[in-house]
Amino acid sequence: MARPKSKSLRKKRINFFVDPKEYEVLQKNALDKGRNIPTFCREMTLSVGHEKPMDNTIASATNFHELKIEIARLGNNLNQIARRMNMNEMYDSDVERIHQVLDYLVELKRKS
């Protein structure tokens, strides 16, 4: 016997992969809301002002963009320092900038 045709308007399929830890988080959050995983994902994706399930990651496009800009600034500073070093024109202010950049990189690594 043939399977009856679905009357659902949902004709498009979206697939994505998650690691086991992410799957556990999805499953727990879906169960907490009384939903299955596909329904939970659909509701979270399509709802306005939904909670972010993993706030501790760099999931926000704004945060990622800001981080990209900050890394570009650090790269520019390092390029300027390298140019001066290659021209044998190092000053105390350059050494101070090197220390500032290194301290900032250590802080970024600690936060990630």
N, C-alpha and C. Protein backbone atom coordinates (compact mmCIF):
# COMPACT_ATOMS: atom_id res chain seq x y z
N MET A 1 0.84 -1.17 0.00
CA MET A 1 0.00 0.00 0.00
C MET A 1 0.89 1.24 0.00
N ALA A 2 0.59 2.19 -0.82
CA ALA A 2 1.38 3.41 -0.96
C ALA A 2 1.16 4.31 0.26
N ARG A 3 2.20 5.01 0.58
CA ARG A 3 2.14 5.94 1.69
C ARG A 3 1.29 7.14 1.29
N PRO A 4 0.37 7.60 2.17
CA PRO A 4 -0.47 8.74 1.81
C PRO A 4 0.37 10.02 1.69
N LYS A 5 0.00 10.85 0.73
CA LYS A 5 0.73 12.10 0.53
C LYS A 5 0.48 13.04 1.70
N SER A 6 1.55 13.74 2.08
CA SER A 6 1.46 14.69 3.17
C SER A 6 0.71 15.93 2.73
N LYS A 7 -0.12 16.45 3.60
CA LYS A 7 -0.85 17.68 3.30
C LYS A 7 -0.09 18.90 3.80
N SER A 8 1.11 18.68 4.32
CA SER A 8 1.92 19.76 4.86
C SER A 8 2.39 20.69 3.75
N LEU A 9 2.45 21.96 4.07
CA LEU A 9 2.97 22.94 3.13
C LEU A 9 4.49 22.98 3.16
N ARG A 10 5.08 22.28 4.09
CA ARG A 10 6.53 22.27 4.20
C ARG A 10 7.11 21.33 3.16
N LYS A 11 7.68 21.90 2.12
CA LYS A 11 8.23 21.10 1.02
C LYS A 11 9.75 21.17 0.95
N LYS A 12 10.36 22.08 1.67
CA LYS A 12 11.81 22.26 1.62
C LYS A 12 12.45 21.60 2.84
N ARG A 13 13.59 20.97 2.61
CA ARG A 13 14.29 20.27 3.68
C ARG A 13 15.62 20.98 3.94
N ILE A 14 15.96 21.13 5.20
CA ILE A 14 17.24 21.72 5.59
C ILE A 14 17.96 20.71 6.49
N ASN A 15 19.18 20.41 6.14
CA ASN A 15 20.00 19.49 6.94
C ASN A 15 21.23 20.23 7.45
N PHE A 16 21.64 19.94 8.67
CA PHE A 16 22.90 20.46 9.17
C PHE A 16 23.46 19.48 10.18
N PHE A 17 24.76 19.55 10.36
CA PHE A 17 25.44 18.63 11.25
C PHE A 17 25.81 19.33 12.56
N VAL A 18 25.76 18.56 13.64
CA VAL A 18 26.18 19.04 14.95
C VAL A 18 27.08 17.98 15.57
N ASP A 19 27.91 18.42 16.51
CA ASP A 19 28.72 17.44 17.21
C ASP A 19 27.91 16.85 18.36
N PRO A 20 28.38 15.79 19.00
CA PRO A 20 27.59 15.15 20.06
C PRO A 20 27.19 16.09 21.20
N LYS A 21 28.07 17.00 21.58
CA LYS A 21 27.75 17.93 22.67
C LYS A 21 26.63 18.88 22.24
N GLU A 22 26.72 19.40 21.01
CA GLU A 22 25.67 20.28 20.51
C GLU A 22 24.34 19.54 20.41
N TYR A 23 24.39 18.26 20.00
CA TYR A 23 23.16 17.47 19.90
C TYR A 23 22.53 17.31 21.28
N GLU A 24 23.34 17.06 22.30
CA GLU A 24 22.81 16.94 23.66
C GLU A 24 22.12 18.23 24.09
N VAL A 25 22.76 19.37 23.78
CA VAL A 25 22.17 20.67 24.15
C VAL A 25 20.84 20.86 23.42
N LEU A 26 20.82 20.57 22.10
CA LEU A 26 19.58 20.68 21.34
C LEU A 26 18.48 19.78 21.91
N GLN A 27 18.85 18.54 22.19
CA GLN A 27 17.89 17.59 22.71
C GLN A 27 17.34 18.04 24.06
N LYS A 28 18.22 18.49 24.96
CA LYS A 28 17.78 18.94 26.28
C LYS A 28 16.87 20.16 26.16
N ASN A 29 17.27 21.13 25.34
CA ASN A 29 16.46 22.34 25.18
C ASN A 29 15.10 22.02 24.55
N ALA A 30 15.09 21.11 23.59
CA ALA A 30 13.82 20.72 22.95
C ALA A 30 12.92 20.04 23.97
N LEU A 31 13.48 19.12 24.75
CA LEU A 31 12.67 18.42 25.76
C LEU A 31 12.15 19.37 26.82
N ASP A 32 12.99 20.35 27.22
CA ASP A 32 12.55 21.35 28.21
C ASP A 32 11.36 22.15 27.71
N LYS A 33 11.29 22.37 26.40
CA LYS A 33 10.17 23.12 25.81
C LYS A 33 9.04 22.20 25.38
N GLY A 34 9.21 20.88 25.56
CA GLY A 34 8.17 19.93 25.17
C GLY A 34 8.06 19.75 23.66
N ARG A 35 9.17 19.88 22.97
CA ARG A 35 9.19 19.78 21.52
C ARG A 35 10.17 18.70 21.07
N ASN A 36 10.02 18.26 19.82
CA ASN A 36 11.06 17.41 19.25
C ASN A 36 12.12 18.35 18.65
N ILE A 37 13.26 17.80 18.27
CA ILE A 37 14.36 18.64 17.81
C ILE A 37 14.01 19.44 16.55
N PRO A 38 13.42 18.85 15.51
CA PRO A 38 13.10 19.66 14.33
C PRO A 38 12.14 20.81 14.63
N THR A 39 11.11 20.54 15.43
CA THR A 39 10.16 21.59 15.78
C THR A 39 10.84 22.68 16.60
N PHE A 40 11.67 22.27 17.56
CA PHE A 40 12.39 23.22 18.39
C PHE A 40 13.30 24.11 17.53
N CYS A 41 14.07 23.50 16.62
CA CYS A 41 14.96 24.26 15.75
C CYS A 41 14.18 25.24 14.88
N ARG A 42 13.08 24.79 14.34
CA ARG A 42 12.25 25.64 13.50
C ARG A 42 11.71 26.82 14.30
N GLU A 43 11.19 26.55 15.49
CA GLU A 43 10.64 27.63 16.31
C GLU A 43 11.72 28.61 16.74
N MET A 44 12.88 28.10 17.12
CA MET A 44 13.97 28.98 17.56
C MET A 44 14.50 29.83 16.41
N THR A 45 14.55 29.24 15.23
CA THR A 45 15.09 29.96 14.08
C THR A 45 14.11 31.01 13.57
N LEU A 46 12.84 30.69 13.57
CA LEU A 46 11.85 31.59 12.99
C LEU A 46 11.24 32.58 13.98
N SER A 47 11.46 32.38 15.27
CA SER A 47 10.88 33.29 16.25
C SER A 47 11.71 34.56 16.34
N VAL A 48 11.05 35.62 16.74
CA VAL A 48 11.72 36.91 16.89
C VAL A 48 12.14 37.05 18.35
N GLY A 49 13.38 37.48 18.58
CA GLY A 49 13.85 37.72 19.93
C GLY A 49 14.05 36.46 20.73
N HIS A 50 14.41 35.36 20.07
CA HIS A 50 14.61 34.11 20.80
C HIS A 50 15.91 34.14 21.60
N GLU A 51 15.98 33.29 22.59
CA GLU A 51 17.18 33.19 23.41
C GLU A 51 18.27 32.49 22.62
N LYS A 52 19.50 32.87 22.88
CA LYS A 52 20.63 32.21 22.23
C LYS A 52 20.99 31.00 23.08
N PRO A 53 20.98 29.78 22.52
CA PRO A 53 21.25 28.60 23.32
C PRO A 53 22.68 28.49 23.83
N MET A 54 23.64 29.11 23.12
CA MET A 54 25.04 28.98 23.53
C MET A 54 25.66 30.37 23.57
N ASP A 55 25.38 31.16 24.62
CA ASP A 55 25.87 32.52 24.71
C ASP A 55 27.38 32.59 24.91
N ASN A 56 28.01 31.49 25.34
CA ASN A 56 29.43 31.54 25.63
C ASN A 56 30.30 31.34 24.39
N THR A 57 29.72 31.21 23.22
CA THR A 57 30.49 31.05 21.99
C THR A 57 30.44 32.33 21.19
N ILE A 58 31.29 32.42 20.20
CA ILE A 58 31.25 33.57 19.32
C ILE A 58 30.24 33.26 18.22
N ALA A 59 28.99 33.23 18.59
CA ALA A 59 27.92 32.89 17.66
C ALA A 59 27.34 34.14 17.03
N SER A 60 27.45 35.23 17.71
CA SER A 60 26.84 36.46 17.23
C SER A 60 27.66 37.05 16.09
N ALA A 61 27.00 37.40 15.02
CA ALA A 61 27.69 38.00 13.88
C ALA A 61 28.33 39.32 14.27
N THR A 62 27.69 40.05 15.17
CA THR A 62 28.23 41.32 15.63
C THR A 62 29.54 41.09 16.35
N ASN A 63 29.57 40.12 17.27
CA ASN A 63 30.80 39.83 18.00
C ASN A 63 31.90 39.37 17.05
N PHE A 64 31.54 38.54 16.08
CA PHE A 64 32.52 38.04 15.13
C PHE A 64 33.08 39.19 14.30
N HIS A 65 32.21 40.09 13.86
CA HIS A 65 32.66 41.24 13.07
C HIS A 65 33.59 42.13 13.90
N GLU A 66 33.23 42.40 15.15
CA GLU A 66 34.07 43.21 16.02
C GLU A 66 35.42 42.55 16.25
N LEU A 67 35.41 41.24 16.43
CA LEU A 67 36.64 40.50 16.64
C LEU A 67 37.52 40.57 15.39
N LYS A 68 36.91 40.45 14.21
CA LYS A 68 37.66 40.56 12.96
C LYS A 68 38.33 41.92 12.83
N ILE A 69 37.61 42.97 13.16
CA ILE A 69 38.16 44.32 13.08
C ILE A 69 39.33 44.47 14.06
N GLU A 70 39.16 43.96 15.27
CA GLU A 70 40.22 44.07 16.28
C GLU A 70 41.47 43.31 15.85
N ILE A 71 41.30 42.13 15.27
CA ILE A 71 42.44 41.35 14.81
C ILE A 71 43.14 42.08 13.66
N ALA A 72 42.37 42.70 12.77
CA ALA A 72 42.96 43.48 11.67
C ALA A 72 43.79 44.63 12.21
N ARG A 73 43.29 45.31 13.25
CA ARG A 73 44.06 46.40 13.87
C ARG A 73 45.38 45.89 14.44
N LEU A 74 45.31 44.75 15.10
CA LEU A 74 46.53 44.18 15.67
C LEU A 74 47.52 43.83 14.56
N GLY A 75 47.02 43.29 13.47
CA GLY A 75 47.89 42.97 12.34
C GLY A 75 48.55 44.20 11.77
N ASN A 76 47.78 45.29 11.67
CA ASN A 76 48.36 46.55 11.18
C ASN A 76 49.45 47.05 12.10
N ASN A 77 49.21 46.99 13.40
CA ASN A 77 50.23 47.41 14.37
C ASN A 77 51.49 46.56 14.22
N LEU A 78 51.32 45.26 14.10
CA LEU A 78 52.48 44.38 13.96
C LEU A 78 53.25 44.65 12.67
N ASN A 79 52.52 44.95 11.59
CA ASN A 79 53.19 45.28 10.33
C ASN A 79 54.02 46.56 10.45
N GLN A 80 53.48 47.56 11.13
CA GLN A 80 54.22 48.81 11.34
C GLN A 80 55.48 48.56 12.17
N ILE A 81 55.34 47.75 13.19
CA ILE A 81 56.49 47.43 14.04
C ILE A 81 57.54 46.66 13.26
N ALA A 82 57.11 45.69 12.46
CA ALA A 82 58.05 44.90 11.66
C ALA A 82 58.78 45.79 10.66
N ARG A 83 58.07 46.72 10.04
CA ARG A 83 58.71 47.63 9.08
C ARG A 83 59.80 48.45 9.75
N ARG A 84 59.49 48.97 10.94
CA ARG A 84 60.50 49.76 11.66
C ARG A 84 61.69 48.91 12.09
N MET A 85 61.40 47.68 12.50
CA MET A 85 62.50 46.79 12.90
C MET A 85 63.40 46.51 11.70
N ASN A 86 62.82 46.29 10.53
CA ASN A 86 63.60 46.01 9.33
C ASN A 86 64.41 47.22 8.87
N MET A 87 63.96 48.40 9.24
CA MET A 87 64.68 49.63 8.88
C MET A 87 65.61 50.08 10.00
N ASN A 88 65.72 49.26 11.06
CA ASN A 88 66.55 49.58 12.24
C ASN A 88 66.16 50.91 12.86
N GLU A 89 64.87 51.17 12.96
CA GLU A 89 64.37 52.40 13.55
C GLU A 89 63.45 52.10 14.74
N MET A 90 63.87 51.22 15.62
CA MET A 90 63.05 50.87 16.78
C MET A 90 63.19 51.95 17.86
N TYR A 91 62.06 52.34 18.43
CA TYR A 91 62.04 53.33 19.50
C TYR A 91 61.41 52.70 20.73
N ASP A 92 61.57 53.35 21.87
CA ASP A 92 60.96 52.84 23.10
C ASP A 92 59.45 52.73 22.96
N SER A 93 58.84 53.67 22.22
CA SER A 93 57.38 53.61 22.03
C SER A 93 56.99 52.37 21.24
N ASP A 94 57.86 51.94 20.31
CA ASP A 94 57.58 50.73 19.54
C ASP A 94 57.62 49.50 20.44
N VAL A 95 58.58 49.46 21.33
CA VAL A 95 58.69 48.33 22.26
C VAL A 95 57.45 48.29 23.15
N GLU A 96 56.99 49.46 23.58
CA GLU A 96 55.78 49.53 24.41
C GLU A 96 54.57 49.03 23.62
N ARG A 97 54.47 49.40 22.35
CA ARG A 97 53.35 48.92 21.51
C ARG A 97 53.40 47.40 21.35
N ILE A 98 54.62 46.86 21.22
CA ILE A 98 54.77 45.41 21.11
C ILE A 98 54.21 44.74 22.36
N HIS A 99 54.55 45.28 23.51
CA HIS A 99 54.06 44.70 24.77
C HIS A 99 52.54 44.83 24.87
N GLN A 100 51.98 45.94 24.42
CA GLN A 100 50.52 46.12 24.46
C GLN A 100 49.82 45.11 23.57
N VAL A 101 50.35 44.91 22.37
CA VAL A 101 49.75 43.96 21.44
C VAL A 101 49.83 42.54 22.01
N LEU A 102 50.99 42.19 22.55
CA LEU A 102 51.14 40.85 23.13
C LEU A 102 50.20 40.64 24.31
N ASP A 103 50.09 41.64 25.17
CA ASP A 103 49.16 41.54 26.31
C ASP A 103 47.72 41.36 25.84
N TYR A 104 47.35 42.10 24.79
CA TYR A 104 45.99 41.99 24.27
C TYR A 104 45.75 40.61 23.67
N LEU A 105 46.73 40.08 22.95
CA LEU A 105 46.58 38.74 22.38
C LEU A 105 46.43 37.69 23.47
N VAL A 106 47.20 37.83 24.54
CA VAL A 106 47.08 36.89 25.66
C VAL A 106 45.68 36.98 26.26
N GLU A 107 45.16 38.19 26.39
CA GLU A 107 43.81 38.39 26.94
C GLU A 107 42.74 37.78 26.03
N LEU A 108 42.89 37.96 24.71
CA LEU A 108 41.95 37.35 23.77
C LEU A 108 41.97 35.83 23.87
N LYS A 109 43.16 35.28 23.97
CA LYS A 109 43.27 33.82 24.08
C LYS A 109 42.62 33.33 25.36
N ARG A 110 42.80 34.06 26.45
CA ARG A 110 42.23 33.67 27.73
C ARG A 110 40.69 33.68 27.67
N LYS A 111 40.12 34.63 26.94
CA LYS A 111 38.66 34.75 26.84
C LYS A 111 38.05 33.67 25.95
N SER A 112 38.81 33.16 25.00
CA SER A 112 38.23 32.18 24.07
C SER A 112 38.22 30.77 24.62
